Protein backbone atom coordinates (compact mmCIF):
# COMPACT_ATOMS: atom_id res chain seq x y z
CA MET A 1 21.99 -20.48 -11.15
CA GLU A 2 25.33 -22.15 -10.33
CA ARG A 3 23.84 -25.61 -10.57
CA ILE A 4 22.09 -24.69 -13.88
CA ARG A 5 25.42 -23.63 -15.26
CA LYS A 6 26.83 -27.17 -14.43
CA LEU A 7 23.79 -28.95 -15.88
CA PRO A 8 25.35 -30.20 -19.08
CA PHE A 9 28.31 -31.72 -17.33
CA LEU A 10 26.32 -33.26 -14.61
CA SER A 11 23.71 -34.75 -16.86
CA GLY A 12 26.38 -36.15 -19.29
CA CYS A 13 28.29 -37.73 -16.33
CA MET A 14 25.25 -39.22 -14.68
CA ALA A 15 23.97 -40.70 -17.97
CA SER A 16 27.36 -42.27 -18.71
CA ILE A 17 27.71 -43.67 -15.26
CA LEU A 18 24.16 -45.06 -15.37
CA ALA A 19 24.76 -46.61 -18.81
CA GLY A 20 28.05 -48.14 -17.61
CA VAL A 21 26.48 -49.69 -14.51
CA ILE A 22 23.51 -51.08 -16.48
CA SER A 23 25.79 -52.37 -19.22
CA TYR A 24 28.19 -54.02 -16.70
CA ALA A 25 25.28 -55.63 -14.87
CA ALA A 26 24.00 -57.03 -18.20
CA GLY A 27 27.46 -58.68 -18.71
CA ILE A 28 28.45 -56.80 -21.90
CA ASP A 29 32.16 -56.69 -22.86
CA SER A 30 34.10 -53.55 -21.83
CA GLN A 31 34.69 -52.16 -25.30
CA THR A 32 30.92 -51.86 -25.89
CA ILE A 33 30.39 -50.40 -22.38
CA TYR A 34 32.97 -47.62 -23.16
CA ILE A 35 31.25 -46.86 -26.42
CA ARG A 36 27.86 -46.63 -24.90
CA MET A 37 29.21 -44.47 -22.07
CA ALA A 38 30.80 -42.06 -24.53
CA VAL A 39 27.69 -41.80 -26.69
CA MET A 40 25.50 -41.27 -23.58
CA MET A 41 27.79 -38.56 -22.29
CA VAL A 42 27.79 -36.68 -25.55
CA VAL A 43 24.01 -36.98 -26.03
CA PHE A 44 23.11 -35.90 -22.53
CA PHE A 45 25.72 -33.12 -22.55
CA VAL A 46 24.00 -31.72 -25.68
CA LEU A 47 20.64 -32.18 -24.06
CA GLY A 48 21.94 -30.43 -20.86
CA VAL A 49 23.17 -27.46 -22.94
CA TYR A 50 19.82 -27.17 -24.67
CA ILE A 51 17.99 -27.25 -21.23
CA ARG A 52 20.43 -24.76 -19.70
CA ASN A 53 19.93 -22.30 -22.62
CA THR A 54 16.28 -22.64 -22.40
CA ILE A 55 16.31 -21.86 -18.66
CA TYR A 56 18.50 -18.87 -19.14
CA SER A 57 16.18 -17.67 -21.93
CA VAL A 58 13.16 -17.90 -19.73
CA ALA A 59 14.96 -16.08 -16.85
CA ARG A 60 15.98 -13.26 -19.27
CA GLN A 61 12.40 -13.01 -20.67
CA SER A 62 11.06 -12.92 -17.09
CA ALA A 63 13.51 -10.16 -16.09
CA ILE A 64 12.53 -8.13 -19.17
CA ILE A 65 8.89 -8.54 -18.44
CA LYS A 66 9.40 -7.48 -14.77
CA ARG A 67 11.36 -4.41 -15.96
CA GLU A 68 8.58 -3.44 -18.42
CA LYS A 69 5.87 -3.91 -15.77
CA LYS A 70 7.91 -1.74 -13.24
CA ARG A 71 8.49 0.84 -15.98
CA GLU A 72 4.66 0.93 -16.84
CA GLU A 73 3.84 1.24 -13.14
CA ASP A 74 6.36 4.07 -12.74
CA LEU A 75 4.86 5.86 -15.75
CA ARG A 76 1.33 5.33 -14.33
CA LEU A 77 2.33 6.69 -10.96
CA ARG A 78 4.09 9.64 -12.57
CA LYS A 79 1.04 10.45 -14.69
CA LEU A 80 -1.17 10.21 -11.59
CA ARG A 81 1.18 12.60 -9.70
CA GLU A 82 1.13 15.01 -12.59
CA GLU A 83 -2.70 14.95 -12.71
CA LYS A 84 -2.85 15.57 -9.01
CA MET A 85 -0.36 18.44 -9.33
CA ALA A 86 -2.43 19.87 -12.14
CA GLU A 87 -5.57 19.66 -10.04
CA VAL A 88 -3.75 21.33 -7.11
CA ARG A 89 -2.44 24.08 -9.47
CA ALA A 90 -5.92 24.55 -10.95
CA SER A 91 -7.50 24.80 -7.52
CA MET A 92 -4.72 27.24 -6.33
CA ILE A 93 -5.32 29.45 -9.49
CA GLY A 94 -9.04 29.27 -8.81
CA ASN A 95 -8.53 30.28 -5.15
CA ASN A 96 -6.16 33.04 -6.21
CA LEU A 97 -8.73 34.44 -8.62
CA ASP A 98 -11.41 34.49 -6.08
CA ALA A 99 -9.09 36.21 -3.55
CA THR A 100 -7.94 38.86 -6.01
CA SER A 101 -11.47 39.64 -7.15
CA THR A 102 -12.50 40.44 -3.53
CA ILE A 103 -9.60 42.96 -2.87
CA ASN A 104 -10.89 46.50 -2.63
CA MET A 105 -8.24 49.01 -3.61
CA ALA A 106 -8.93 52.51 -2.35
CA VAL A 107 -7.17 55.70 -3.22
CA GLY A 108 -5.11 57.03 -0.31
CA ASP A 109 -4.72 53.56 1.36
CA GLU A 110 -2.21 53.83 4.21
CA LYS A 111 -0.52 50.56 3.33
CA GLN A 112 0.16 51.73 -0.20
CA ASP A 113 1.69 55.04 0.97
CA ALA A 114 4.18 53.29 3.18
CA PHE A 115 5.41 51.08 0.31
CA GLU A 116 8.94 51.81 -0.76
CA PRO A 117 10.22 49.47 -3.35
CA MET A 118 13.57 51.12 -3.80
CA ASP A 119 15.02 50.52 -0.29
CA LEU A 120 17.37 47.80 -1.53
CA ALA A 121 18.49 49.97 -4.54
CA LYS A 122 19.15 52.95 -2.20
CA ALA A 123 21.27 50.68 0.01
CA ILE A 124 23.32 49.39 -2.89
CA ARG A 125 23.89 53.00 -4.14
CA THR A 126 25.06 54.13 -0.68
CA LYS A 127 27.40 51.23 -0.40
CA ALA A 128 28.78 52.03 -3.82
CA GLU A 129 29.36 55.67 -3.00
CA GLU A 130 31.26 54.72 0.21
C-alpha cells in the first residue's frame, strides 16, 4: 500500500522524464520540452490520483464484504449452536420426564424419613445464639 500511496508522484515524474527524453531526442527547443514535461507531469499526476483512489475504494469494499461474510458466518454458526443446544435441552427434558414417570414413591420410604432439610438453618441459629 505504500507504493500505491506514492503512485501519483511516481507516474507524474516518469511521464515527464519520458516526455523530456523523447522531446530532446527529437531535437525540440528547450522551452517546448519544459512545457511538455510540465503538462505531462500534471496530467499523469491527476491520473495517478484517480487510480490510487480507485484502488483504495476497491480495497475498502473488499474489506467490507469480508467483514459481512464473517458476520454472516458467525450468525450462522451461532444459530447452529443454539439449535443444537435446543435439541440437547429437549432431549434432556424428555429424558427427565421419562425418569420421573418411573419413580415409585411409597409411604414410609426410609430415604424420605432420613431427609432433614433444616440442618443448615439449625446450624445458623445455633451460631447466632452463641
